[in-house]
Amino acid sequence: MSEGFASLGLTRDTMTNIARAKLGLPTPLQMKVIPPALLGRDIVAVSAPGSGRTTAFLIGLIERLGHLAGTRALVLARTKQRIAEIHEHFDQLAHGRPFKVTEILPGGAMQAQENELRERRHLLLAVPQRLTEHMDKGAVNFSSIEMVVLDAADDMVADGLLPQLKRIVTRLPPRRQTLIFTRSLIDPLAAFARTYLRDPILIEVASTEVATAAPAPRPEPVDVEEEAAPEEVAPRPAPKKPAPSAKSAKPAKPARAAKPKATKKPAPKKAGKKR
C-alpha cells in the first residue's frame, strides 16, 4: 500500500480509504504539502499537472474537518468538470465518514442551491462566479469556514476571476487556513498571497519530480512477430523497386522493342532455350 502515507501520521480511517483507492506511494508534492497542511499552515504550492494536488489538499482537509457541524471547508475551482473530479475523489477518501458536500455550479437552479447552502454542509465546492451570485443574495454563511483551497489558481486569474476570489476571501473568517495550488506563481497571484495569506509556506515541485513520481503507463505487451513483420517488409521493397526499375527501364525498353521488330522467329527460340 503505502509506507509513505503511513509516515504522515494519518488516521486509521484515512489510511483505510487510501488503500481502498489504491493510491500507492505519495507523490513528492503530497509528501511536502500534507504535513504542514495538517498543522494548519497556509501554503502556496507550485507544481505541474499530474503532481497529485487533489489528494494533497483533500487529505489535509478531511483530517481537519472533524465532526463539527457547519460548513468547515471551501474549495474553489474554475469549472464544473473539475468540481466533479474533486467531489468524486473526496467521496473515495472520506468513505464511511458522515461528511456532506454542496456543489455550487453555474447552470444549476438558484433556489435549489440556496436550499443546500442553508443546510450548511461540511464541504462547499464552488465555482467563484456562481458563489458570488449567491453572496449577492445573502444566501452564504462563511462564519464556520476553517479552510479554503484555491485549485489551479493561476487559471482562475487568467480567466479574470481575481476580483471574485478577493471578494470571497475577504468574507471568510480571518483565522482560516488558505491553500493555493498553481502551475506558476504569476505576479497577481503572488500579490494575492502576500495580502490574504498568513506567513505562507512556498512549496515548489519541479516537473522532473512529477515525471519521476507519476510515470506514464506502460503499453500492453505486443506479440513481437506480428509487430516485426510489417516493419521489415514495408521498408525493404520500397527502396528496391524504384532503384532497379529506374536504371533498367531506359535500356530495357529500346532493347526489347528493337528485337521483335527486326526478327520475329529468333525471339521465341531464345525464350525456349532459357526455360
Protein backbone atom coordinates (compact mmCIF):
# COMPACT_ATOMS: atom_id res chain seq x y z
CA MET A 1 0.00 0.00 0.00
CA SER A 2 1.99 2.95 1.21
CA GLU A 3 4.60 3.20 3.90
CA GLY A 4 4.95 6.80 2.69
CA PHE A 5 1.39 7.75 3.65
CA ALA A 6 1.73 5.83 6.92
CA SER A 7 4.69 8.04 7.85
CA LEU A 8 2.47 11.14 7.72
CA GLY A 9 0.55 10.25 10.88
CA LEU A 10 -2.86 9.98 9.24
CA THR A 11 -5.89 8.50 10.98
CA ARG A 12 -6.83 4.86 10.51
CA ASP A 13 -9.94 5.79 8.53
CA THR A 14 -7.93 7.84 6.07
CA MET A 15 -5.29 5.13 5.70
CA THR A 16 -8.01 2.56 5.04
CA ASN A 17 -9.52 4.73 2.32
CA ILE A 18 -6.12 5.40 0.77
CA ALA A 19 -5.70 1.64 0.49
CA ARG A 20 -9.21 1.27 -0.97
CA ALA A 21 -8.39 3.91 -3.58
CA LYS A 22 -5.10 2.09 -4.41
CA LEU A 23 -3.11 5.31 -4.32
CA GLY A 24 0.24 3.61 -3.76
CA LEU A 25 3.11 5.80 -2.63
CA PRO A 26 2.61 9.55 -2.17
CA THR A 27 3.99 11.93 -4.78
CA PRO A 28 6.71 14.46 -3.88
CA LEU A 29 4.05 17.21 -3.75
CA GLN A 30 1.87 15.20 -1.36
CA MET A 31 4.82 14.48 0.92
CA LYS A 32 5.63 18.19 1.06
CA VAL A 33 2.09 19.57 1.35
CA ILE A 34 0.28 17.20 3.73
CA PRO A 35 2.43 17.66 6.89
CA PRO A 36 2.15 21.47 7.05
CA ALA A 37 -1.48 21.27 5.93
CA LEU A 38 -2.24 19.06 8.93
CA LEU A 39 -0.65 21.71 11.14
CA GLY A 40 -2.96 24.39 9.76
CA ARG A 41 -0.28 26.33 7.87
CA ASP A 42 -1.06 28.49 4.86
CA ILE A 43 0.54 27.07 1.73
CA VAL A 44 1.34 28.17 -1.82
CA ALA A 45 2.13 25.03 -3.84
CA VAL A 46 3.64 25.38 -7.31
CA SER A 47 3.67 22.24 -9.43
CA ALA A 48 2.89 20.87 -12.86
CA PRO A 49 -0.25 18.90 -13.68
CA GLY A 50 -0.09 15.29 -12.58
CA SER A 51 1.61 16.09 -9.28
CA GLY A 52 -1.27 14.78 -7.17
CA ARG A 53 -2.57 18.09 -5.85
CA THR A 54 -6.16 16.86 -5.37
CA THR A 55 -5.09 14.16 -2.95
CA ALA A 56 -2.65 16.57 -1.31
CA PHE A 57 -5.29 19.09 -0.26
CA LEU A 58 -8.15 16.62 0.30
CA ILE A 59 -6.25 14.51 2.83
CA GLY A 60 -5.42 17.57 4.89
CA LEU A 61 -8.98 18.82 4.52
CA ILE A 62 -10.58 15.53 5.59
CA GLU A 63 -8.25 15.14 8.55
CA ARG A 64 -9.10 18.64 9.76
CA LEU A 65 -12.86 18.50 9.19
CA GLY A 66 -13.50 16.55 12.36
CA HIS A 67 -17.12 16.05 13.38
CA LEU A 68 -18.14 19.65 14.00
CA ALA A 69 -21.34 20.99 12.46
CA GLY A 70 -21.47 23.68 9.81
CA THR A 71 -19.56 24.37 6.62
CA ARG A 72 -15.93 23.89 7.64
CA ALA A 73 -14.13 23.93 4.28
CA LEU A 74 -14.43 25.68 0.92
CA VAL A 75 -12.79 24.60 -2.34
CA LEU A 76 -12.87 26.98 -5.29
CA ALA A 77 -12.32 25.59 -8.80
CA ARG A 78 -12.86 27.07 -12.24
CA THR A 79 -15.12 24.53 -13.99
CA LYS A 80 -17.99 22.14 -13.32
CA GLN A 81 -15.86 19.26 -14.58
CA ARG A 82 -13.12 19.99 -12.10
CA ILE A 83 -15.64 20.26 -9.25
CA ALA A 84 -16.99 16.84 -10.21
CA GLU A 85 -13.48 15.34 -10.12
CA ILE A 86 -12.78 16.78 -6.67
CA HIS A 87 -16.15 15.59 -5.36
CA GLU A 88 -15.56 12.05 -6.63
CA HIS A 89 -12.10 11.91 -5.09
CA PHE A 90 -13.41 13.31 -1.81
CA ASP A 91 -16.03 10.55 -1.66
CA GLN A 92 -13.26 7.97 -2.03
CA LEU A 93 -11.00 9.40 0.66
CA ALA A 94 -13.86 10.20 3.07
CA HIS A 95 -15.64 6.88 2.58
CA GLY A 96 -17.56 5.83 5.67
CA ARG A 97 -17.49 9.28 7.28
CA PRO A 98 -20.62 11.38 7.79
CA PHE A 99 -19.46 14.30 5.67
CA LYS A 100 -21.88 16.05 3.33
CA VAL A 101 -21.00 18.13 0.29
CA THR A 102 -22.66 21.03 -1.52
CA GLU A 103 -21.82 21.93 -5.11
CA ILE A 104 -22.41 25.49 -6.31
CA LEU A 105 -22.18 25.43 -10.09
CA PRO A 106 -23.25 27.69 -12.95
CA GLY A 107 -26.35 26.50 -14.76
CA GLY A 108 -27.94 24.92 -11.70
CA ALA A 109 -31.22 26.07 -10.20
CA MET A 110 -30.52 29.01 -7.86
CA GLN A 111 -33.30 28.12 -5.42
CA ALA A 112 -32.15 24.51 -5.07
CA GLN A 113 -28.59 25.70 -4.44
CA GLU A 114 -29.79 28.22 -1.86
CA ASN A 115 -31.61 25.46 -0.02
CA GLU A 116 -28.41 23.40 0.12
CA LEU A 117 -26.42 26.40 1.32
CA ARG A 118 -28.83 26.84 4.21
CA GLU A 119 -28.13 23.26 5.27
CA ARG A 120 -24.52 24.32 5.84
CA ARG A 121 -22.97 21.03 4.78
CA HIS A 122 -19.41 20.23 5.80
CA LEU A 123 -17.69 20.87 2.45
CA LEU A 124 -18.59 23.55 -0.09
CA LEU A 125 -17.32 23.04 -3.65
CA ALA A 126 -17.93 26.13 -5.76
CA VAL A 127 -17.15 27.93 -8.98
CA PRO A 128 -16.36 31.56 -7.99
CA GLN A 129 -18.81 33.24 -10.39
CA ARG A 130 -21.86 31.38 -9.10
CA LEU A 131 -20.79 31.63 -5.46
CA THR A 132 -20.59 35.42 -5.66
CA GLU A 133 -24.10 35.47 -7.13
CA HIS A 134 -25.36 33.69 -4.02
CA MET A 135 -23.36 36.11 -1.87
CA ASP A 136 -25.21 38.98 -3.54
CA LYS A 137 -28.48 37.41 -2.37
CA GLY A 138 -27.22 36.90 1.17
CA ALA A 139 -27.53 33.12 0.90
CA VAL A 140 -23.99 32.20 2.00
CA ASN A 141 -22.77 31.85 5.59
CA PHE A 142 -18.98 31.65 5.85
CA SER A 143 -18.76 32.03 9.63
CA SER A 144 -17.59 28.48 10.33
CA ILE A 145 -15.09 28.15 7.45
CA GLU A 146 -11.72 26.96 8.73
CA MET A 147 -10.03 26.05 5.45
CA VAL A 148 -10.17 27.35 1.88
CA VAL A 149 -8.46 25.86 -1.17
CA LEU A 150 -7.86 27.66 -4.47
CA ASP A 151 -7.43 24.96 -7.11
CA ALA A 152 -5.50 25.91 -10.28
CA ALA A 153 -5.43 29.49 -9.07
CA ASP A 154 -3.36 30.77 -11.99
CA ASP A 155 -6.02 29.54 -14.42
CA MET A 156 -8.74 31.32 -12.44
CA VAL A 157 -6.71 34.54 -12.51
CA ALA A 158 -6.20 34.12 -16.28
CA ASP A 159 -9.98 33.77 -16.62
CA GLY A 160 -10.43 37.16 -14.96
CA LEU A 161 -11.71 35.76 -11.66
CA LEU A 162 -9.26 37.56 -9.38
CA PRO A 163 -11.88 40.14 -8.25
CA GLN A 164 -14.28 37.33 -7.28
CA LEU A 165 -11.52 35.48 -5.43
CA LYS A 166 -10.65 38.60 -3.45
CA ARG A 167 -14.27 39.24 -2.62
CA ILE A 168 -14.84 35.68 -1.41
CA VAL A 169 -11.67 35.52 0.67
CA THR A 170 -12.35 38.83 2.41
CA ARG A 171 -15.68 37.43 3.62
CA LEU A 172 -14.05 34.41 5.27
CA PRO A 173 -13.02 34.31 8.94
CA PRO A 174 -9.56 35.89 9.35
CA ARG A 175 -8.08 32.92 11.22
CA ARG A 176 -8.69 30.42 8.44
CA GLN A 177 -6.21 28.21 6.65
CA THR A 178 -5.62 29.02 2.96
CA LEU A 179 -4.04 26.70 0.39
CA ILE A 180 -3.21 27.87 -3.13
CA PHE A 181 -2.31 25.41 -5.88
CA THR A 182 -0.89 26.77 -9.12
CA ARG A 183 1.31 25.81 -12.05
CA SER A 184 3.20 29.10 -11.87
CA LEU A 185 3.41 31.89 -9.33
CA ILE A 186 2.36 34.77 -11.56
CA ASP A 187 2.64 38.31 -10.18
CA PRO A 188 -1.08 38.88 -9.43
CA LEU A 189 -1.18 35.59 -7.56
CA ALA A 190 1.97 36.38 -5.60
CA ALA A 191 0.45 39.72 -4.58
CA PHE A 192 -2.77 37.95 -3.60
CA ALA A 193 -0.81 35.55 -1.39
CA ARG A 194 1.05 38.39 0.33
CA THR A 195 -2.23 40.14 1.08
CA TYR A 196 -4.57 37.33 2.09
CA LEU A 197 -2.36 34.54 3.46
CA ARG A 198 -0.68 34.39 6.87
CA ASP A 199 3.03 33.58 6.74
CA PRO A 200 2.56 31.07 3.90
CA ILE A 201 4.95 28.23 3.11
CA LEU A 202 6.08 28.16 -0.52
CA ILE A 203 6.35 24.61 -1.88
CA GLU A 204 7.72 24.05 -5.34
CA VAL A 205 7.89 20.70 -7.14
CA ALA A 206 9.94 20.54 -10.32
CA SER A 207 8.45 18.95 -13.42
CA THR A 208 11.18 16.30 -13.27
CA GLU A 209 9.92 15.25 -9.85
CA VAL A 210 6.38 14.99 -11.20
CA ALA A 211 7.58 12.85 -14.10
CA THR A 212 9.51 10.58 -11.76
CA ALA A 213 6.65 10.25 -9.31
CA ALA A 214 3.96 9.64 -11.91
CA PRO A 215 5.46 7.81 -14.92
CA ALA A 216 3.36 7.26 -17.99
CA PRO A 217 1.64 3.87 -18.01
CA ARG A 218 3.47 1.15 -19.91
CA PRO A 219 1.84 -0.05 -23.13
CA GLU A 220 0.34 -3.50 -23.12
CA PRO A 221 2.71 -6.27 -24.34
CA VAL A 222 2.51 -6.97 -28.05
CA ASP A 223 3.43 -10.11 -29.99
CA VAL A 224 6.90 -9.41 -31.38
CA GLU A 225 6.41 -11.49 -34.51
CA GLU A 226 3.24 -9.69 -35.52
CA GLU A 227 4.81 -6.32 -34.87
CA ALA A 228 8.11 -7.06 -36.66
CA ALA A 229 6.63 -8.39 -39.89
CA PRO A 230 5.17 -5.14 -41.21
CA GLU A 231 8.21 -3.15 -40.11
CA GLU A 232 10.66 -5.33 -42.07
CA VAL A 233 8.54 -5.91 -45.14
CA ALA A 234 7.37 -2.36 -45.66
CA PRO A 235 10.74 -0.60 -45.94
CA ARG A 236 12.62 -3.27 -47.92
CA PRO A 237 10.55 -3.43 -51.13
CA ALA A 238 10.14 0.33 -51.21
CA PRO A 239 13.82 1.17 -51.91
CA LYS A 240 14.44 -1.93 -54.10
CA LYS A 241 11.60 -1.34 -56.55
CA PRO A 242 12.42 2.20 -57.61
CA ALA A 243 16.21 1.64 -57.72
CA PRO A 244 16.39 -1.21 -60.27
CA SER A 245 13.38 -0.09 -62.30
CA ALA A 246 14.74 3.38 -62.69
CA LYS A 247 18.09 2.09 -64.01
CA SER A 248 16.87 -0.78 -66.17
CA ALA A 249 13.72 0.80 -67.55
CA LYS A 250 15.52 3.05 -70.01
CA PRO A 251 17.83 0.45 -71.63
CA ALA A 252 15.32 -2.39 -71.42
CA LYS A 253 12.59 -0.70 -73.39
CA PRO A 254 14.60 0.06 -76.57
CA ALA A 255 16.37 -3.35 -76.47
CA ARG A 256 13.17 -5.37 -76.23
CA ALA A 257 11.39 -3.14 -78.72
CA ALA A 258 14.16 -3.49 -81.33
CA LYS A 259 14.39 -7.29 -81.26
CA PRO A 260 10.79 -8.14 -82.15
CA LYS A 261 10.75 -5.58 -84.95
CA ALA A 262 13.90 -6.94 -86.63
CA THR A 263 13.22 -10.66 -86.38
CA LYS A 264 10.11 -12.48 -85.28
CA LYS A 265 11.46 -16.08 -85.48
CA PRO A 266 14.56 -15.95 -83.24
CA ALA A 267 12.57 -14.36 -80.43
CA PRO A 268 10.57 -17.49 -79.43
CA LYS A 269 13.61 -19.74 -79.87
CA LYS A 270 15.65 -17.77 -77.38
CA ALA A 271 12.76 -17.79 -74.93
CA GLY A 272 12.51 -21.58 -75.24
CA LYS A 273 16.21 -22.12 -74.54
CA LYS A 274 16.14 -20.01 -71.35
CA ARG A 275 13.31 -22.01 -69.86
